[in-house]
Amino acid sequence: MSLNELKQYQLSLIESLHQEQNQFNESISKLDIDGMISKAYIYSNKLINIKKDMEMVKEKSKRLKKRILKLQEDKQKRALEKELEREEQVQRDKLLVPIIIKSKKNDDDTKS
């Protein structure tokens, strides 16, 4: 091989290398890696915020469930107390009926 042939071969290799580098740069610019990385960071932060929100909602629902159970227990307790009061009133009324009837009989007897 002569020196001129080597120079020509070297120039063709350099030209091929420049073409490959240009193609590589074009493909990198098309991918927009920086934009993709910034989007990934943004979405990662959004995901973290969503997880925090979900945890907060979970805690709130847990507290609400506790409160609901307490309110239901209180309501049942009041209903039971009210029922007991009704039963006591019915028992008192049953006890009063004979007294009233006896009183009326005595009044009727004394009038005659």
PDB file of N, CA and C in Angstrom:
ATOM      1  N   MET A   1       0.840  -1.170   0.000  1.00  0.00           N
ATOM      2  CA  MET A   1       0.000   0.000   0.000  1.00  0.00           C
ATOM      3  C   MET A   1       0.891   1.240   0.000  1.00  0.00           C
ATOM      4  N   SER A   2       0.485   2.203  -0.758  1.00  0.00           N
ATOM      5  CA  SER A   2       1.289   3.416  -0.819  1.00  0.00           C
ATOM      6  C   SER A   2       0.789   4.422   0.204  1.00  0.00           C
ATOM      7  N   LEU A   3       1.560   5.459   0.381  1.00  0.00           N
ATOM      8  CA  LEU A   3       1.230   6.481   1.350  1.00  0.00           C
ATOM      9  C   LEU A   3      -0.055   7.222   0.955  1.00  0.00           C
ATOM     10  N   ASN A   4      -0.243   7.479  -0.315  1.00  0.00           N
ATOM     11  CA  ASN A   4      -1.445   8.145  -0.784  1.00  0.00           C
ATOM     12  C   ASN A   4      -2.683   7.286  -0.534  1.00  0.00           C
ATOM     13  N   GLU A   5      -2.556   6.025  -0.737  1.00  0.00           N
ATOM     14  CA  GLU A   5      -3.685   5.110  -0.498  1.00  0.00           C
ATOM     15  C   GLU A   5      -4.042   5.088   0.994  1.00  0.00           C
ATOM     16  N   LEU A   6      -3.018   5.104   1.828  1.00  0.00           N
ATOM     17  CA  LEU A   6      -3.250   5.136   3.272  1.00  0.00           C
ATOM     18  C   LEU A   6      -3.958   6.426   3.684  1.00  0.00           C
ATOM     19  N   LYS A   7      -3.525   7.567   3.081  1.00  0.00           N
ATOM     20  CA  LYS A   7      -4.172   8.842   3.378  1.00  0.00           C
ATOM     21  C   LYS A   7      -5.632   8.811   2.945  1.00  0.00           C
ATOM     22  N   GLN A   8      -5.889   8.283   1.767  1.00  0.00           N
ATOM     23  CA  GLN A   8      -7.258   8.190   1.255  1.00  0.00           C
ATOM     24  C   GLN A   8      -8.100   7.298   2.177  1.00  0.00           C
ATOM     25  N   TYR A   9      -7.533   6.181   2.585  1.00  0.00           N
ATOM     26  CA  TYR A   9      -8.241   5.257   3.481  1.00  0.00           C
ATOM     27  C   TYR A   9      -8.519   5.940   4.815  1.00  0.00           C
ATOM     28  N   GLN A  10      -7.508   6.683   5.317  1.00  0.00           N
ATOM     29  CA  GLN A  10      -7.670   7.399   6.588  1.00  0.00           C
ATOM     30  C   GLN A  10      -8.739   8.479   6.452  1.00  0.00           C
ATOM     31  N   LEU A  11      -8.759   9.216   5.377  1.00  0.00           N
ATOM     32  CA  LEU A  11      -9.762  10.252   5.154  1.00  0.00           C
ATOM     33  C   LEU A  11     -11.166   9.643   5.062  1.00  0.00           C
ATOM     34  N   SER A  12     -11.274   8.518   4.397  1.00  0.00           N
ATOM     35  CA  SER A  12     -12.592   7.875   4.293  1.00  0.00           C
ATOM     36  C   SER A  12     -13.059   7.378   5.674  1.00  0.00           C
ATOM     37  N   LEU A  13     -12.128   6.871   6.472  1.00  0.00           N
ATOM     38  CA  LEU A  13     -12.480   6.432   7.827  1.00  0.00           C
ATOM     39  C   LEU A  13     -12.904   7.624   8.687  1.00  0.00           C
ATOM     40  N   ILE A  14     -12.197   8.746   8.562  1.00  0.00           N
ATOM     41  CA  ILE A  14     -12.547   9.951   9.330  1.00  0.00           C
ATOM     42  C   ILE A  14     -13.929  10.441   8.908  1.00  0.00           C
ATOM     43  N   GLU A  15     -14.182  10.430   7.601  1.00  0.00           N
ATOM     44  CA  GLU A  15     -15.489  10.857   7.103  1.00  0.00           C
ATOM     45  C   GLU A  15     -16.593   9.930   7.626  1.00  0.00           C
ATOM     46  N   SER A  16     -16.358   8.643   7.636  1.00  0.00           N
ATOM     47  CA  SER A  16     -17.341   7.685   8.170  1.00  0.00           C
ATOM     48  C   SER A  16     -17.574   7.924   9.656  1.00  0.00           C
ATOM     49  N   LEU A  17     -16.500   8.211  10.356  1.00  0.00           N
ATOM     50  CA  LEU A  17     -16.606   8.471  11.785  1.00  0.00           C
ATOM     51  C   LEU A  17     -17.433   9.729  12.047  1.00  0.00           C
ATOM     52  N   HIS A  18     -17.226  10.780  11.268  1.00  0.00           N
ATOM     53  CA  HIS A  18     -18.020  12.016  11.408  1.00  0.00           C
ATOM     54  C   HIS A  18     -19.498  11.747  11.121  1.00  0.00           C
ATOM     55  N   GLN A  19     -19.753  10.947  10.099  1.00  0.00           N
ATOM     56  CA  GLN A  19     -21.136  10.624   9.760  1.00  0.00           C
ATOM     57  C   GLN A  19     -21.808   9.845  10.897  1.00  0.00           C
ATOM     58  N   GLU A  20     -21.083   8.894  11.431  1.00  0.00           N
ATOM     59  CA  GLU A  20     -21.625   8.107  12.550  1.00  0.00           C
ATOM     60  C   GLU A  20     -21.877   8.998  13.768  1.00  0.00           C
ATOM     61  N   GLN A  21     -20.943   9.915  14.020  1.00  0.00           N
ATOM     62  CA  GLN A  21     -21.108  10.819  15.160  1.00  0.00           C
ATOM     63  C   GLN A  21     -22.307  11.728  14.948  1.00  0.00           C
ATOM     64  N   ASN A  22     -22.505  12.219  13.752  1.00  0.00           N
ATOM     65  CA  ASN A  22     -23.665  13.061  13.448  1.00  0.00           C
ATOM     66  C   ASN A  22     -24.964  12.275  13.636  1.00  0.00           C
ATOM     67  N   GLN A  23     -24.988  11.045  13.155  1.00  0.00           N
ATOM     68  CA  GLN A  23     -26.184  10.210  13.339  1.00  0.00           C
ATOM     69  C   GLN A  23     -26.450   9.974  14.822  1.00  0.00           C
ATOM     70  N   PHE A  24     -25.405   9.707  15.576  1.00  0.00           N
ATOM     71  CA  PHE A  24     -25.548   9.494  17.015  1.00  0.00           C
ATOM     72  C   PHE A  24     -26.100  10.746  17.693  1.00  0.00           C
ATOM     73  N   ASN A  25     -25.563  11.908  17.362  1.00  0.00           N
ATOM     74  CA  ASN A  25     -26.028  13.173  17.939  1.00  0.00           C
ATOM     75  C   ASN A  25     -27.482  13.440  17.568  1.00  0.00           C
ATOM     76  N   GLU A  26     -27.854  13.127  16.337  1.00  0.00           N
ATOM     77  CA  GLU A  26     -29.244  13.312  15.916  1.00  0.00           C
ATOM     78  C   GLU A  26     -30.183  12.401  16.712  1.00  0.00           C
ATOM     79  N   SER A  27     -29.778  11.166  16.876  1.00  0.00           N
ATOM     80  CA  SER A  27     -30.644  10.234  17.617  1.00  0.00           C
ATOM     81  C   SER A  27     -30.756  10.641  19.085  1.00  0.00           C
ATOM     82  N   ILE A  28     -29.689  11.146  19.660  1.00  0.00           N
ATOM     83  CA  ILE A  28     -29.738  11.613  21.046  1.00  0.00           C
ATOM     84  C   ILE A  28     -30.652  12.826  21.158  1.00  0.00           C
ATOM     85  N   SER A  29     -30.554  13.748  20.218  1.00  0.00           N
ATOM     86  CA  SER A  29     -31.404  14.938  20.281  1.00  0.00           C
ATOM     87  C   SER A  29     -32.869  14.557  20.081  1.00  0.00           C
ATOM     88  N   LYS A  30     -33.125  13.539  19.290  1.00  0.00           N
ATOM     89  CA  LYS A  30     -34.507  13.092  19.102  1.00  0.00           C
ATOM     90  C   LYS A  30     -35.064  12.472  20.383  1.00  0.00           C
ATOM     91  N   LEU A  31     -34.227  11.786  21.108  1.00  0.00           N
ATOM     92  CA  LEU A  31     -34.688  11.138  22.334  1.00  0.00           C
ATOM     93  C   LEU A  31     -34.997  12.150  23.429  1.00  0.00           C
ATOM     94  N   ASP A  32     -34.341  13.261  23.440  1.00  0.00           N
ATOM     95  CA  ASP A  32     -34.529  14.292  24.461  1.00  0.00           C
ATOM     96  C   ASP A  32     -34.410  13.685  25.861  1.00  0.00           C
ATOM     97  N   ILE A  33     -33.250  13.151  26.125  1.00  0.00           N
ATOM     98  CA  ILE A  33     -32.989  12.456  27.387  1.00  0.00           C
ATOM     99  C   ILE A  33     -33.161  13.386  28.577  1.00  0.00           C
ATOM    100  N   ASP A  34     -32.708  14.619  28.447  1.00  0.00           N
ATOM    101  CA  ASP A  34     -32.857  15.561  29.566  1.00  0.00           C
ATOM    102  C   ASP A  34     -34.329  15.782  29.899  1.00  0.00           C
ATOM    103  N   GLY A  35     -35.141  15.916  28.847  1.00  0.00           N
ATOM    104  CA  GLY A  35     -36.576  16.091  29.070  1.00  0.00           C
ATOM    105  C   GLY A  35     -37.191  14.872  29.729  1.00  0.00           C
ATOM    106  N   MET A  36     -36.741  13.712  29.302  1.00  0.00           N
ATOM    107  CA  MET A  36     -37.272  12.473  29.876  1.00  0.00           C
ATOM    108  C   MET A  36     -36.881  12.357  31.351  1.00  0.00           C
ATOM    109  N   ILE A  37     -35.658  12.724  31.668  1.00  0.00           N
ATOM    110  CA  ILE A  37     -35.199  12.652  33.060  1.00  0.00           C
ATOM    111  C   ILE A  37     -35.989  13.638  33.921  1.00  0.00           C
ATOM    112  N   SER A  38     -36.214  14.848  33.394  1.00  0.00           N
ATOM    113  CA  SER A  38     -36.973  15.828  34.186  1.00  0.00           C
ATOM    114  C   SER A  38     -38.419  15.372  34.356  1.00  0.00           C
ATOM    115  N   LYS A  39     -39.008  14.765  33.320  1.00  0.00           N
ATOM    116  CA  LYS A  39     -40.372  14.234  33.445  1.00  0.00           C
ATOM    117  C   LYS A  39     -40.422  13.114  34.475  1.00  0.00           C
ATOM    118  N   ALA A  40     -39.414  12.233  34.443  1.00  0.00           N
ATOM    119  CA  ALA A  40     -39.374  11.138  35.413  1.00  0.00           C
ATOM    120  C   ALA A  40     -39.284  11.693  36.832  1.00  0.00           C
ATOM    121  N   TYR A  41     -38.516  12.743  37.037  1.00  0.00           N
ATOM    122  CA  TYR A  41     -38.387  13.373  38.344  1.00  0.00           C
ATOM    123  C   TYR A  41     -39.721  13.978  38.779  1.00  0.00           C
ATOM    124  N   ILE A  42     -40.385  14.662  37.843  1.00  0.00           N
ATOM    125  CA  ILE A  42     -41.683  15.275  38.151  1.00  0.00           C
ATOM    126  C   ILE A  42     -42.697  14.203  38.538  1.00  0.00           C
ATOM    127  N   TYR A  43     -42.766  13.130  37.748  1.00  0.00           N
ATOM    128  CA  TYR A  43     -43.733  12.074  38.029  1.00  0.00           C
ATOM    129  C   TYR A  43     -43.396  11.323  39.315  1.00  0.00           C
ATOM    130  N   SER A  44     -42.123  11.218  39.605  1.00  0.00           N
ATOM    131  CA  SER A  44     -41.712  10.590  40.860  1.00  0.00           C
ATOM    132  C   SER A  44     -42.206  11.425  42.040  1.00  0.00           C
ATOM    133  N   ASN A  45     -42.060  12.736  41.948  1.00  0.00           N
ATOM    134  CA  ASN A  45     -42.548  13.626  43.008  1.00  0.00           C
ATOM    135  C   ASN A  45     -44.065  13.554  43.126  1.00  0.00           C
ATOM    136  N   LYS A  46     -44.753  13.489  41.986  1.00  0.00           N
ATOM    137  CA  LYS A  46     -46.210  13.369  42.026  1.00  0.00           C
ATOM    138  C   LYS A  46     -46.623  12.070  42.712  1.00  0.00           C
ATOM    139  N   LEU A  47     -45.918  11.001  42.409  1.00  0.00           N
ATOM    140  CA  LEU A  47     -46.215   9.707  43.032  1.00  0.00           C
ATOM    141  C   LEU A  47     -46.007   9.766  44.539  1.00  0.00           C
ATOM    142  N   ILE A  48     -44.940  10.412  44.964  1.00  0.00           N
ATOM    143  CA  ILE A  48     -44.674  10.553  46.401  1.00  0.00           C
ATOM    144  C   ILE A  48     -45.803  11.340  47.063  1.00  0.00           C
ATOM    145  N   ASN A  49     -46.246  12.416  46.411  1.00  0.00           N
ATOM    146  CA  ASN A  49     -47.341  13.225  46.969  1.00  0.00           C
ATOM    147  C   ASN A  49     -48.639  12.420  47.030  1.00  0.00           C
ATOM    148  N   ILE A  50     -48.896  11.620  46.001  1.00  0.00           N
ATOM    149  CA  ILE A  50     -50.107  10.783  45.998  1.00  0.00           C
ATOM    150  C   ILE A  50     -50.050   9.776  47.143  1.00  0.00           C
ATOM    151  N   LYS A  51     -48.887   9.184  47.364  1.00  0.00           N
ATOM    152  CA  LYS A  51     -48.742   8.235  48.469  1.00  0.00           C
ATOM    153  C   LYS A  51     -49.001   8.916  49.812  1.00  0.00           C
ATOM    154  N   LYS A  52     -48.489  10.145  49.975  1.00  0.00           N
ATOM    155  CA  LYS A  52     -48.733  10.882  51.218  1.00  0.00           C
ATOM    156  C   LYS A  52     -50.216  11.164  51.386  1.00  0.00           C
ATOM    157  N   ASP A  53     -50.850  11.584  50.294  1.00  0.00           N
ATOM    158  CA  ASP A  53     -52.291  11.860  50.352  1.00  0.00           C
ATOM    159  C   ASP A  53     -53.078  10.610  50.705  1.00  0.00           C
ATOM    160  N   MET A  54     -52.691   9.482  50.111  1.00  0.00           N
ATOM    161  CA  MET A  54     -53.396   8.230  50.399  1.00  0.00           C
ATOM    162  C   MET A  54     -53.220   7.834  51.859  1.00  0.00           C
ATOM    163  N   GLU A  55     -52.058   8.033  52.398  1.00  0.00           N
ATOM    164  CA  GLU A  55     -51.809   7.718  53.809  1.00  0.00           C
ATOM    165  C   GLU A  55     -52.662   8.617  54.701  1.00  0.00           C
ATOM    166  N   MET A  56     -52.760   9.898  54.318  1.00  0.00           N
ATOM    167  CA  MET A  56     -53.563  10.834  55.094  1.00  0.00           C
ATOM    168  C   MET A  56     -55.045  10.434  55.035  1.00  0.00           C
ATOM    169  N   VAL A  57     -55.517  10.057  53.859  1.00  0.00           N
ATOM    170  CA  VAL A  57     -56.911   9.626  53.708  1.00  0.00           C
ATOM    171  C   VAL A  57     -57.155   8.355  54.517  1.00  0.00           C
ATOM    172  N   LYS A  58     -56.183   7.469  54.511  1.00  0.00           N
ATOM    173  CA  LYS A  58     -56.305   6.220  55.284  1.00  0.00           C
ATOM    174  C   LYS A  58     -56.455   6.536  56.774  1.00  0.00           C
ATOM    175  N   GLU A  59     -55.643   7.454  57.273  1.00  0.00           N
ATOM    176  CA  GLU A  59     -55.723   7.831  58.684  1.00  0.00           C
ATOM    177  C   GLU A  59     -57.064   8.493  59.001  1.00  0.00           C
ATOM    178  N   LYS A  60     -57.518   9.372  58.105  1.00  0.00           N
ATOM    179  CA  LYS A  60     -58.805  10.029  58.330  1.00  0.00           C
ATOM    180  C   LYS A  60     -59.941   9.019  58.347  1.00  0.00           C
ATOM    181  N   SER A  61     -59.910   8.070  57.410  1.00  0.00           N
ATOM    182  CA  SER A  61     -60.990   7.074  57.373  1.00  0.00           C
ATOM    183  C   SER A  61     -60.935   6.186  58.611  1.00  0.00           C
ATOM    184  N   LYS A  62     -59.752   5.913  59.093  1.00  0.00           N
ATOM    185  CA  LYS A  62     -59.601   5.113  60.314  1.00  0.00           C
ATOM    186  C   LYS A  62     -60.234   5.844  61.499  1.00  0.00           C
ATOM    187  N   ARG A  63     -59.949   7.171  61.597  1.00  0.00           N
ATOM    188  CA  ARG A  63     -60.537   7.960  62.676  1.00  0.00           C
ATOM    189  C   ARG A  63     -62.055   8.048  62.538  1.00  0.00           C
ATOM    190  N   LEU A  64     -62.536   8.182  61.297  1.00  0.00           N
ATOM    191  CA  LEU A  64     -63.980   8.256  61.072  1.00  0.00           C
ATOM    192  C   LEU A  64     -64.663   6.943  61.445  1.00  0.00           C
ATOM    193  N   LYS A  65     -64.038   5.833  61.116  1.00  0.00           N
ATOM    194  CA  LYS A  65     -64.617   4.535  61.476  1.00  0.00           C
ATOM    195  C   LYS A  65     -64.722   4.400  62.994  1.00  0.00           C
ATOM    196  N   LYS A  66     -63.680   4.838  63.695  1.00  0.00           N
ATOM    197  CA  LYS A  66     -63.721   4.806  65.160  1.00  0.00           C
ATOM    198  C   LYS A  66     -64.866   5.660  65.679  1.00  0.00           C
ATOM    199  N   ARG A  67     -64.986   6.850  65.098  1.00  0.00           N
ATOM    200  CA  ARG A  67     -66.042   7.767  65.535  1.00  0.00           C
ATOM    201  C   ARG A  67     -67.422   7.192  65.242  1.00  0.00           C
ATOM    202  N   ILE A  68     -67.573   6.574  64.070  1.00  0.00           N
ATOM    203  CA  ILE A  68     -68.857   5.963  63.705  1.00  0.00           C
ATOM    204  C   ILE A  68     -69.217   4.862  64.689  1.00  0.00           C
ATOM    205  N   LEU A  69     -68.254   4.016  65.025  1.00  0.00           N
ATOM    206  CA  LEU A  69     -68.516   2.939  65.981  1.00  0.00           C
ATOM    207  C   LEU A  69     -68.926   3.500  67.340  1.00  0.00           C
ATOM    208  N   LYS A  70     -68.246   4.555  67.768  1.00  0.00           N
ATOM    209  CA  LYS A  70     -68.586   5.158  69.057  1.00  0.00           C
ATOM    210  C   LYS A  70     -69.992   5.747  69.017  1.00  0.00           C
ATOM    211  N   LEU A  71     -70.328   6.433  67.918  1.00  0.00           N
ATOM    212  CA  LEU A  71     -71.665   7.013  67.795  1.00  0.00           C
ATOM    213  C   LEU A  71     -72.734   5.927  67.753  1.00  0.00           C
ATOM    214  N   GLN A  72     -72.453   4.822  67.059  1.00  0.00           N
ATOM    215  CA  GLN A  72     -73.414   3.718  67.014  1.00  0.00           C
ATOM    216  C   GLN A  72     -73.614   3.115  68.396  1.00  0.00           C
ATOM    217  N   GLU A  73     -72.514   2.950  69.128  1.00  0.00           N
ATOM    218  CA  GLU A  73     -72.624   2.411  70.484  1.00  0.00           C
ATOM    219  C   GLU A  73     -73.440   3.353  71.363  1.00  0.00           C
ATOM    220  N   ASP A  74     -73.179   4.650  71.260  1.00  0.00           N
ATOM    221  CA  ASP A  74     -73.939   5.624  72.047  1.00  0.00           C
ATOM    222  C   ASP A  74     -75.420   5.584  71.680  1.00  0.00           C
ATOM    223  N   LYS A  75     -75.699   5.471  70.391  1.00  0.00           N
ATOM    224  CA  LYS A  75     -77.092   5.429  69.935  1.00  0.00           C
ATOM    225  C   LYS A  75     -77.791   4.177  70.469  1.00  0.00           C
ATOM    226  N   GLN A  76     -77.111   3.042  70.403  1.00  0.00           N
ATOM    227  CA  GLN A  76     -77.686   1.805  70.931  1.00  0.00           C
ATOM    228  C   GLN A  76     -77.897   1.914  72.440  1.00  0.00           C
ATOM    229  N   LYS A  77     -76.950   2.525  73.115  1.00  0.00           N
ATOM    230  CA  LYS A  77     -77.068   2.681  74.563  1.00  0.00           C
ATOM    231  C   LYS A  77     -78.279   3.560  74.910  1.00  0.00           C
ATOM    232  N   ARG A  78     -78.431   4.675  74.169  1.00  0.00           N
ATOM    233  CA  ARG A  78     -79.589   5.547  74.413  1.00  0.00           C
ATOM    234  C   ARG A  78     -80.900   4.831  74.114  1.00  0.00           C
ATOM    235  N   ALA A  79     -80.922   4.043  73.030  1.00  0.00           N
ATOM    236  CA  ALA A  79     -82.142   3.314  72.679  1.00  0.00           C
ATOM    237  C   ALA A  79     -82.477   2.296  73.767  1.00  0.00           C
ATOM    238  N   LEU A  80     -81.458   1.624  74.288  1.00  0.00           N
ATOM    239  CA  LEU A  80     -81.676   0.652  75.366  1.00  0.00           C
ATOM    240  C   LEU A  80     -82.193   1.350  76.621  1.00  0.00           C
ATOM    241  N   GLU A  81     -81.587   2.488  76.969  1.00  0.00           N
ATOM    242  CA  GLU A  81     -82.046   3.227  78.144  1.00  0.00           C
ATOM    243  C   GLU A  81     -83.488   3.699  77.963  1.00  0.00           C
ATOM    244  N   LYS A  82     -83.807   4.147  76.759  1.00  0.00           N
ATOM    245  CA  LYS A  82     -85.169   4.605  76.487  1.00  0.00           C
ATOM    246  C   LYS A  82     -86.158   3.444  76.608  1.00  0.00           C
ATOM    247  N   GLU A  83     -85.771   2.301  76.103  1.00  0.00           N
ATOM    248  CA  GLU A  83     -86.627   1.110  76.194  1.00  0.00           C
ATOM    249  C   GLU A  83     -86.816   0.703  77.646  1.00  0.00           C
ATOM    250  N   LEU A  84     -85.741   0.754  78.423  1.00  0.00           N
ATOM    251  CA  LEU A  84     -85.849   0.423  79.848  1.00  0.00           C
ATOM    252  C   LEU A  84     -86.768   1.406  80.565  1.00  0.00           C
ATOM    253  N   GLU A  85     -86.663   2.685  80.212  1.00  0.00           N
ATOM    254  CA  GLU A  85     -87.545   3.680  80.816  1.00  0.00           C
ATOM    255  C   GLU A  85     -89.012   3.388  80.456  1.00  0.00           C
ATOM    256  N   ARG A  86     -89.262   2.997  79.214  1.00  0.00           N
ATOM    257  CA  ARG A  86     -90.626   2.666  78.795  1.00  0.00           C
ATOM    258  C   ARG A  86     -91.157   1.477  79.591  1.00  0.00           C
ATOM    259  N   GLU A  87     -90.311   0.464  79.729  1.00  0.00           N
ATOM    260  CA  GLU A  87     -90.729  -0.711  80.488  1.00  0.00           C
ATOM    261  C   GLU A  87     -91.020  -0.343  81.945  1.00  0.00           C
ATOM    262  N   GLU A  88     -90.176   0.500  82.531  1.00  0.00           N
ATOM    263  CA  GLU A  88     -90.405   0.936  83.905  1.00  0.00           C
ATOM    264  C   GLU A  88     -91.722   1.714  84.012  1.00  0.00           C
ATOM    265  N   GLN A  89     -91.991   2.558  83.029  1.00  0.00           N
ATOM    266  CA  GLN A  89     -93.231   3.327  83.030  1.00  0.00           C
ATOM    267  C   GLN A  89     -94.432   2.403  82.901  1.00  0.00           C
ATOM    268  N   VAL A  90     -94.315   1.394  82.044  1.00  0.00           N
ATOM    269  CA  VAL A  90     -95.407   0.425  81.890  1.00  0.00           C
ATOM    270  C   VAL A  90     -95.634  -0.301  83.206  1.00  0.00           C
ATOM    271  N   GLN A  91     -94.560  -0.685  83.881  1.00  0.00           N
ATOM    272  CA  GLN A  91     -94.688  -1.371  85.175  1.00  0.00           C
ATOM    273  C   GLN A  91     -95.338  -0.442  86.204  1.00  0.00           C
ATOM    274  N   ARG A  92     -94.938   0.827  86.218  1.00  0.00           N
ATOM    275  CA  ARG A  92     -95.551   1.783  87.155  1.00  0.00           C
ATOM    276  C   ARG A  92     -97.041   1.952  86.856  1.00  0.00           C
ATOM    277  N   ASP A  93     -97.344   2.030  85.553  1.00  0.00           N
ATOM    278  CA  ASP A  93     -98.752   2.171  85.161  1.00  0.00           C
ATOM    279  C   ASP A  93     -99.564   0.951  85.594  1.00  0.00           C
ATOM    280  N   LYS A  94     -98.975  -0.236  85.461  1.00  0.00           N
ATOM    281  CA  LYS A  94     -99.670  -1.456  85.879  1.00  0.00           C
ATOM    282  C   LYS A  94     -99.918  -1.443  87.385  1.00  0.00           C
ATOM    283  N   LEU A  95     -98.971  -0.917  88.124  1.00  0.00           N
ATOM    284  CA  LEU A  95     -99.137  -0.847  89.573  1.00  0.00           C
ATOM    285  C   LEU A  95    -100.174   0.195  89.971  1.00  0.00           C
ATOM    286  N   LEU A  96    -100.286   1.253  89.209  1.00  0.00           N
ATOM    287  CA  LEU A  96    -101.233   2.317  89.528  1.00  0.00           C
ATOM    288  C   LEU A  96    -102.667   1.951  89.188  1.00  0.00           C
ATOM    289  N   VAL A  97    -102.887   1.143  88.214  1.00  0.00           N
ATOM    290  CA  VAL A  97    -104.248   0.797  87.790  1.00  0.00           C
ATOM    291  C   VAL A  97    -105.043   0.175  88.940  1.00  0.00           C
ATOM    292  N   PRO A  98    -104.528  -0.807  89.669  1.00  0.00           N
ATOM    293  CA  PRO A  98    -105.329  -1.365  90.762  1.00  0.00           C
ATOM    294  C   PRO A  98    -105.625  -0.328  91.844  1.00  0.00           C
ATOM    295  N   ILE A  99    -104.727   0.565  92.099  1.00  0.00           N
ATOM    296  CA  ILE A  99    -104.949   1.586  93.127  1.00  0.00           C
ATOM    297  C   ILE A  99    -106.077   2.500  92.702  1.00  0.00           C
ATOM    298  N   ILE A 100    -106.075   2.893  91.454  1.00  0.00           N
ATOM    299  CA  ILE A 100    -107.123   3.777  90.951  1.00  0.00           C
ATOM    300  C   ILE A 100    -108.469   3.066  90.982  1.00  0.00           C
ATOM    301  N   ILE A 101    -108.514   1.812  90.562  1.00  0.00           N
ATOM    302  CA  ILE A 101    -109.766   1.045  90.575  1.00  0.00           C
ATOM    303  C   ILE A 101    -110.266   0.893  92.005  1.00  0.00           C
ATOM    304  N   LYS A 102    -109.396   0.590  92.952  1.00  0.00           N
ATOM    305  CA  LYS A 102    -109.789   0.451  94.358  1.00  0.00           C
ATOM    306  C   LYS A 102    -110.326   1.770  94.890  1.00  0.00           C
ATOM    307  N   SER A 103    -109.689   2.856  94.509  1.00  0.00           N
ATOM    308  CA  SER A 103    -110.137   4.177  94.963  1.00  0.00           C
ATOM    309  C   SER A 103    -111.520   4.467  94.438  1.00  0.00           C
ATOM    310  N   LYS A 104    -111.788   4.163  93.205  1.00  0.00           N
ATOM    311  CA  LYS A 104    -113.102   4.405  92.625  1.00  0.00           C
ATOM    312  C   LYS A 104    -114.157   3.544  93.320  1.00  0.00           C
ATOM    313  N   LYS A 105    -113.828   2.302  93.611  1.00  0.00           N
ATOM    314  CA  LYS A 105    -114.774   1.426  94.309  1.00  0.00           C
ATOM    315  C   LYS A 105    -115.085   1.978  95.685  1.00  0.00           C
ATOM    316  N   ASN A 106    -114.078   2.431  96.379  1.00  0.00           N
ATOM    317  CA  ASN A 106    -114.276   3.001  97.724  1.00  0.00           C
ATOM    318  C   ASN A 106    -115.133   4.250  97.650  1.00  0.00           C
ATOM    319  N   ASP A 107    -114.903   5.064  96.661  1.00  0.00           N
ATOM    320  CA  ASP A 107    -115.698   6.286  96.489  1.00  0.00           C
ATOM    321  C   ASP A 107    -117.134   5.923  96.175  1.00  0.00           C
ATOM    322  N   ASP A 108    -117.334   4.900  95.340  1.00  0.00           N
ATOM    323  CA  ASP A 108    -118.674   4.472  94.988  1.00  0.00           C
ATOM    324  C   ASP A 108    -119.414   3.892  96.219  1.00  0.00           C
ATOM    325  N   ASP A 109    -118.674   3.173  97.031  1.00  0.00           N
ATOM    326  CA  ASP A 109    -119.233   2.560  98.224  1.00  0.00           C
ATOM    327  C   ASP A 109    -119.659   3.639  99.226  1.00  0.00           C
ATOM    328  N   THR A 110    -118.893   4.643  99.366  1.00  0.00           N
ATOM    329  CA  THR A 110    -119.202   5.690 100.335  1.00  0.00           C
ATOM    330  C   THR A 110    -120.351   6.561  99.856  1.00  0.00           C
ATOM    331  N   LYS A 111    -120.555   6.674  98.589  1.00  0.00           N
ATOM    332  CA  LYS A 111    -121.649   7.473  98.050  1.00  0.00           C
ATOM    333  C   LYS A 111    -122.977   6.736  98.205  1.00  0.00           C
ATOM    334  N   SER A 112    -122.950   5.464  98.229  1.00  0.00           N
ATOM    335  CA  SER A 112    -124.195   4.705  98.291  1.00  0.00           C
ATOM    336  C   SER A 112    -124.776   4.657  99.650  1.00  0.00           C
TER     337      SER A 112
END
